[in-house]
């Protein structure tokens, strides 16, 4: 079970009495045009992970790796580290978004914390706005798998993501 989504903050997001307005649609790397077509959007690509060890669990949040640096899981940067991608234009904003959303999910949902990391995943390389990839948990971990399959947990996770995006938006306005 893997889901990818984009989040768009519409005009209602900035009206004082109105809650943020979010639009969720399936997006894959080749569907990036959906994201670039929405002017004030951020990219939130949500995935569920799997591992050979059933003990591995927790939330991982990825933002675009800066040019010249290795990604979090790279033992040594390769040729790709020297290249700039569309996603590098907003790499600082993406890291701020990752921190806001990651912290909010930890606070609201309480999964294990595997940290905010850097990567050059296709969906992040091609993003023309702030973007993150969330690994929302491990289906290979029995406790986490059980939690992920609970409707109220998924609803809390979605609400935590939306609230994290709102915190990010408020922070960049200051």
C-alpha atoms as a PDB file:
ATOM      1  CA  UNK A   1       0.000   0.000   0.000  1.00  0.00           C
ATOM      2  CA  UNK A   2       1.772   3.155  -1.194  1.00  0.00           C
ATOM      3  CA  UNK A   3       0.287   6.569  -1.740  1.00  0.00           C
ATOM      4  CA  UNK A   4       1.753   9.698  -3.225  1.00  0.00           C
ATOM      5  CA  UNK A   5      -0.007  13.028  -3.014  1.00  0.00           C
ATOM      6  CA  UNK A   6       0.344  16.704  -3.625  1.00  0.00           C
ATOM      7  CA  UNK A   7      -0.933  19.328  -1.280  1.00  0.00           C
ATOM      8  CA  UNK A   8      -2.120  22.676  -2.563  1.00  0.00           C
ATOM      9  CA  UNK A   9      -2.866  25.581  -0.281  1.00  0.00           C
ATOM     10  CA  UNK A  10      -5.754  27.408  -1.858  1.00  0.00           C
ATOM     11  CA  UNK A  11      -6.968  30.960  -1.218  1.00  0.00           C
ATOM     12  CA  UNK A  12      -8.996  29.812   1.810  1.00  0.00           C
ATOM     13  CA  UNK A  13      -5.753  28.848   3.542  1.00  0.00           C
ATOM     14  CA  UNK A  14      -4.964  32.465   4.246  1.00  0.00           C
ATOM     15  CA  UNK A  15      -8.379  33.721   5.344  1.00  0.00           C
ATOM     16  CA  UNK A  16      -8.273  34.220   9.119  1.00  0.00           C
ATOM     17  CA  UNK A  17     -11.495  32.371   9.970  1.00  0.00           C
ATOM     18  CA  UNK A  18     -11.080  29.527   7.480  1.00  0.00           C
ATOM     19  CA  UNK A  19      -9.061  26.329   7.895  1.00  0.00           C
ATOM     20  CA  UNK A  20      -6.442  25.528   5.249  1.00  0.00           C
ATOM     21  CA  UNK A  21      -7.799  24.081   2.037  1.00  0.00           C
ATOM     22  CA  UNK A  22      -5.928  21.037   0.748  1.00  0.00           C
ATOM     23  CA  UNK A  23      -6.265  19.075  -2.455  1.00  0.00           C
ATOM     24  CA  UNK A  24      -4.959  15.501  -2.595  1.00  0.00           C
ATOM     25  CA  UNK A  25      -4.440  13.678  -5.870  1.00  0.00           C
ATOM     26  CA  UNK A  26      -2.276  10.734  -6.920  1.00  0.00           C
ATOM     27  CA  UNK A  27       1.051  11.831  -8.348  1.00  0.00           C
ATOM     28  CA  UNK A  28       3.982   9.746  -9.495  1.00  0.00           C
ATOM     29  CA  UNK A  29       7.328  11.053 -10.759  1.00  0.00           C
ATOM     30  CA  UNK A  30       6.078  11.105 -14.359  1.00  0.00           C
ATOM     31  CA  UNK A  31       2.969  12.968 -13.157  1.00  0.00           C
ATOM     32  CA  UNK A  32       4.935  15.914 -11.830  1.00  0.00           C
ATOM     33  CA  UNK A  33       3.019  18.258 -14.154  1.00  0.00           C
ATOM     34  CA  UNK A  34       0.108  18.057 -11.680  1.00  0.00           C
ATOM     35  CA  UNK A  35       2.320  19.609  -9.033  1.00  0.00           C
ATOM     36  CA  UNK A  36       3.874  22.285 -11.206  1.00  0.00           C
ATOM     37  CA  UNK A  37       0.440  23.371 -12.388  1.00  0.00           C
ATOM     38  CA  UNK A  38      -0.584  24.486  -8.891  1.00  0.00           C
ATOM     39  CA  UNK A  39       0.955  27.862  -8.101  1.00  0.00           C
ATOM     40  CA  UNK A  40       1.102  27.915  -4.285  1.00  0.00           C
ATOM     41  CA  UNK A  41       1.579  24.218  -3.669  1.00  0.00           C
ATOM     42  CA  UNK A  42       4.106  22.130  -1.813  1.00  0.00           C
ATOM     43  CA  UNK A  43       4.843  18.524  -2.661  1.00  0.00           C
ATOM     44  CA  UNK A  44       4.176  15.851  -0.045  1.00  0.00           C
ATOM     45  CA  UNK A  45       4.838  12.363  -1.391  1.00  0.00           C
ATOM     46  CA  UNK A  46       3.610   9.820   1.173  1.00  0.00           C
ATOM     47  CA  UNK A  47       4.883   6.241   1.176  1.00  0.00           C
ATOM     48  CA  UNK A  48       4.822   3.228   3.452  1.00  0.00           C
ATOM     49  CA  UNK A  49       8.092   1.360   3.807  1.00  0.00           C
ATOM     50  CA  UNK A  50       9.171  -2.260   4.140  1.00  0.00           C
ATOM     51  CA  UNK A  51      12.343  -3.810   5.560  1.00  0.00           C
ATOM     52  CA  UNK A  52      13.792  -7.312   5.829  1.00  0.00           C
ATOM     53  CA  UNK A  53      13.990  -6.826   9.594  1.00  0.00           C
ATOM     54  CA  UNK A  54      10.595  -6.768  11.320  1.00  0.00           C
ATOM     55  CA  UNK A  55      12.143  -4.654  14.100  1.00  0.00           C
ATOM     56  CA  UNK A  56      12.678  -1.569  11.926  1.00  0.00           C
ATOM     57  CA  UNK A  57       9.949   1.026  12.447  1.00  0.00           C
ATOM     58  CA  UNK A  58       9.330   4.759  12.454  1.00  0.00           C
ATOM     59  CA  UNK A  59       8.877   7.887  10.396  1.00  0.00           C
ATOM     60  CA  UNK A  60      11.487   9.090   7.897  1.00  0.00           C
ATOM     61  CA  UNK A  61      11.156  12.407   6.085  1.00  0.00           C
ATOM     62  CA  UNK A  62      13.299  13.216   3.060  1.00  0.00           C
ATOM     63  CA  UNK A  63      14.156  16.581   1.501  1.00  0.00           C
ATOM     64  CA  UNK A  64      16.313  17.224  -1.574  1.00  0.00           C
ATOM     65  CA  UNK A  65      20.070  16.771  -1.128  1.00  0.00           C
ATOM     66  CA  UNK A  66      22.125  19.935  -1.824  1.00  0.00           C
ATOM     67  CA  UNK A  67      24.491  19.962  -4.802  1.00  0.00           C
ATOM     68  CA  UNK A  68      27.909  18.544  -3.926  1.00  0.00           C
ATOM     69  CA  UNK A  69      26.765  16.555  -0.902  1.00  0.00           C
ATOM     70  CA  UNK A  70      25.964  12.895  -0.484  1.00  0.00           C
ATOM     71  CA  UNK A  71      22.456  11.793   0.361  1.00  0.00           C
ATOM     72  CA  UNK A  72      21.749  10.452   3.847  1.00  0.00           C
ATOM     73  CA  UNK A  73      22.040   6.822   2.739  1.00  0.00           C
ATOM     74  CA  UNK A  74      25.103   7.312   0.483  1.00  0.00           C
ATOM     75  CA  UNK A  75      28.396   6.011   1.804  1.00  0.00           C
ATOM     76  CA  UNK A  76      30.136   8.259  -0.744  1.00  0.00           C
ATOM     77  CA  UNK A  77      28.665  10.829  -3.116  1.00  0.00           C
ATOM     78  CA  UNK A  78      28.630   9.739  -6.741  1.00  0.00           C
ATOM     79  CA  UNK A  79      28.544  11.692  -9.977  1.00  0.00           C
ATOM     80  CA  UNK A  80      24.942  12.713  -9.328  1.00  0.00           C
ATOM     81  CA  UNK A  81      26.072  14.783  -6.302  1.00  0.00           C
ATOM     82  CA  UNK A  82      27.749  17.273  -8.652  1.00  0.00           C
ATOM     83  CA  UNK A  83      24.593  17.820 -10.689  1.00  0.00           C
ATOM     84  CA  UNK A  84      21.891  20.382 -10.007  1.00  0.00           C
ATOM     85  CA  UNK A  85      18.240  19.445 -10.435  1.00  0.00           C
ATOM     86  CA  UNK A  86      14.986  21.438 -10.369  1.00  0.00           C
ATOM     87  CA  UNK A  87      14.535  20.344  -6.753  1.00  0.00           C
ATOM     88  CA  UNK A  88      17.745  22.110  -5.724  1.00  0.00           C
ATOM     89  CA  UNK A  89      16.184  25.521  -6.393  1.00  0.00           C
ATOM     90  CA  UNK A  90      13.973  25.046  -3.298  1.00  0.00           C
ATOM     91  CA  UNK A  91      16.241  22.775  -1.224  1.00  0.00           C
ATOM     92  CA  UNK A  92      16.265  25.115   1.807  1.00  0.00           C
ATOM     93  CA  UNK A  93      12.490  25.529   1.709  1.00  0.00           C
ATOM     94  CA  UNK A  94      12.149  21.758   1.344  1.00  0.00           C
ATOM     95  CA  UNK A  95      14.258  21.185   4.452  1.00  0.00           C
ATOM     96  CA  UNK A  96      12.127  23.667   6.409  1.00  0.00           C
ATOM     97  CA  UNK A  97       8.979  21.890   5.183  1.00  0.00           C
ATOM     98  CA  UNK A  98      10.470  18.510   6.147  1.00  0.00           C
ATOM     99  CA  UNK A  99      11.282  19.722   9.656  1.00  0.00           C
ATOM    100  CA  UNK A 100       7.802  21.212  10.198  1.00  0.00           C
ATOM    101  CA  UNK A 101       5.867  18.204   8.913  1.00  0.00           C
ATOM    102  CA  UNK A 102       8.141  15.624  10.557  1.00  0.00           C
ATOM    103  CA  UNK A 103       7.925  17.289  13.983  1.00  0.00           C
ATOM    104  CA  UNK A 104       4.162  17.614  13.723  1.00  0.00           C
ATOM    105  CA  UNK A 105       3.648  13.951  12.811  1.00  0.00           C
ATOM    106  CA  UNK A 106       5.884  12.883  15.712  1.00  0.00           C
ATOM    107  CA  UNK A 107       3.908  15.081  18.090  1.00  0.00           C
ATOM    108  CA  UNK A 108       0.429  14.084  16.863  1.00  0.00           C
ATOM    109  CA  UNK A 109       0.927  10.420  15.959  1.00  0.00           C
ATOM    110  CA  UNK A 110       3.887   9.230  18.033  1.00  0.00           C
ATOM    111  CA  UNK A 111       5.629   6.919  15.548  1.00  0.00           C
ATOM    112  CA  UNK A 112       9.292   6.100  16.064  1.00  0.00           C
ATOM    113  CA  UNK A 113      11.657   8.824  14.840  1.00  0.00           C
ATOM    114  CA  UNK A 114      14.072   7.809  12.086  1.00  0.00           C
ATOM    115  CA  UNK A 115      14.865  11.440  11.349  1.00  0.00           C
ATOM    116  CA  UNK A 116      14.836  14.030   8.596  1.00  0.00           C
ATOM    117  CA  UNK A 117      17.152  12.933   5.817  1.00  0.00           C
ATOM    118  CA  UNK A 118      18.394  14.053   2.411  1.00  0.00           C
ATOM    119  CA  UNK A 119      17.914  12.128  -0.845  1.00  0.00           C
ATOM    120  CA  UNK A 120      17.703  12.566  -4.607  1.00  0.00           C
ATOM    121  CA  UNK A 121      14.530  10.593  -5.193  1.00  0.00           C
ATOM    122  CA  UNK A 122      13.016  11.272  -8.630  1.00  0.00           C
ATOM    123  CA  UNK A 123       9.967  13.020  -7.178  1.00  0.00           C
ATOM    124  CA  UNK A 124      12.250  15.418  -5.238  1.00  0.00           C
ATOM    125  CA  UNK A 125      14.725  15.991  -8.084  1.00  0.00           C
ATOM    126  CA  UNK A 126      11.941  17.125 -10.390  1.00  0.00           C
ATOM    127  CA  UNK A 127       9.988  19.252  -7.891  1.00  0.00           C
ATOM    128  CA  UNK A 128       9.828  22.921  -8.801  1.00  0.00           C
ATOM    129  CA  UNK A 129       8.569  23.901  -5.334  1.00  0.00           C
ATOM    130  CA  UNK A 130       9.281  22.873  -1.772  1.00  0.00           C
ATOM    131  CA  UNK A 131       8.849  19.115  -1.623  1.00  0.00           C
ATOM    132  CA  UNK A 132       9.291  16.203   0.749  1.00  0.00           C
ATOM    133  CA  UNK A 133       8.963  12.459   0.651  1.00  0.00           C
ATOM    134  CA  UNK A 134       7.510  10.872   3.795  1.00  0.00           C
ATOM    135  CA  UNK A 135       8.074   7.241   4.686  1.00  0.00           C
ATOM    136  CA  UNK A 136       5.098   7.035   7.039  1.00  0.00           C
ATOM    137  CA  UNK A 137       6.023   3.748   8.649  1.00  0.00           C
ATOM    138  CA  UNK A 138       7.039   0.144   8.044  1.00  0.00           C
ATOM    139  CA  UNK A 139       4.469  -2.412   6.963  1.00  0.00           C
ATOM    140  CA  UNK A 140       7.026  -5.104   7.831  1.00  0.00           C
ATOM    141  CA  UNK A 141       6.772  -4.139  11.530  1.00  0.00           C
ATOM    142  CA  UNK A 142       3.727  -5.832  13.054  1.00  0.00           C
ATOM    143  CA  UNK A 143       2.835  -3.053  15.521  1.00  0.00           C
ATOM    144  CA  UNK A 144       3.278  -0.320  12.923  1.00  0.00           C
ATOM    145  CA  UNK A 145       1.385  -2.288  10.278  1.00  0.00           C
ATOM    146  CA  UNK A 146      -1.534  -2.677  12.695  1.00  0.00           C
ATOM    147  CA  UNK A 147      -1.515   1.061  13.470  1.00  0.00           C
ATOM    148  CA  UNK A 148      -1.295   2.030   9.769  1.00  0.00           C
ATOM    149  CA  UNK A 149      -4.381  -0.053   9.016  1.00  0.00           C
ATOM    150  CA  UNK A 150      -6.464   1.843  11.607  1.00  0.00           C
ATOM    151  CA  UNK A 151      -8.642   4.518  10.027  1.00  0.00           C
ATOM    152  CA  UNK A 152      -8.258   6.950  12.926  1.00  0.00           C
ATOM    153  CA  UNK A 153      -4.446   6.674  12.815  1.00  0.00           C
ATOM    154  CA  UNK A 154      -4.395   7.457   9.082  1.00  0.00           C
ATOM    155  CA  UNK A 155      -6.760  10.382   9.664  1.00  0.00           C
ATOM    156  CA  UNK A 156      -4.466  11.715  12.424  1.00  0.00           C
ATOM    157  CA  UNK A 157      -1.456  11.349  10.132  1.00  0.00           C
ATOM    158  CA  UNK A 158      -3.154  13.272   7.312  1.00  0.00           C
ATOM    159  CA  UNK A 159      -4.242  15.987   9.763  1.00  0.00           C
ATOM    160  CA  UNK A 160      -0.686  16.146  11.159  1.00  0.00           C
ATOM    161  CA  UNK A 161       0.743  16.538   7.644  1.00  0.00           C
ATOM    162  CA  UNK A 162      -1.739  19.319   6.848  1.00  0.00           C
ATOM    163  CA  UNK A 163      -0.979  21.080  10.135  1.00  0.00           C
ATOM    164  CA  UNK A 164       2.770  20.735   9.500  1.00  0.00           C
ATOM    165  CA  UNK A 165       2.338  22.351   6.081  1.00  0.00           C
ATOM    166  CA  UNK A 166       0.409  25.172   7.754  1.00  0.00           C
ATOM    167  CA  UNK A 167       3.216  25.656  10.316  1.00  0.00           C
ATOM    168  CA  UNK A 168       5.721  25.765   7.455  1.00  0.00           C
ATOM    169  CA  UNK A 169       3.636  28.387   5.614  1.00  0.00           C
ATOM    170  CA  UNK A 170       3.350  30.515   8.757  1.00  0.00           C
ATOM    171  CA  UNK A 171       7.103  30.305   9.362  1.00  0.00           C
ATOM    172  CA  UNK A 172       8.080  31.386   5.842  1.00  0.00           C
ATOM    173  CA  UNK A 173       5.706  34.362   6.001  1.00  0.00           C
ATOM    174  CA  UNK A 174       7.623  35.843   8.945  1.00  0.00           C
END
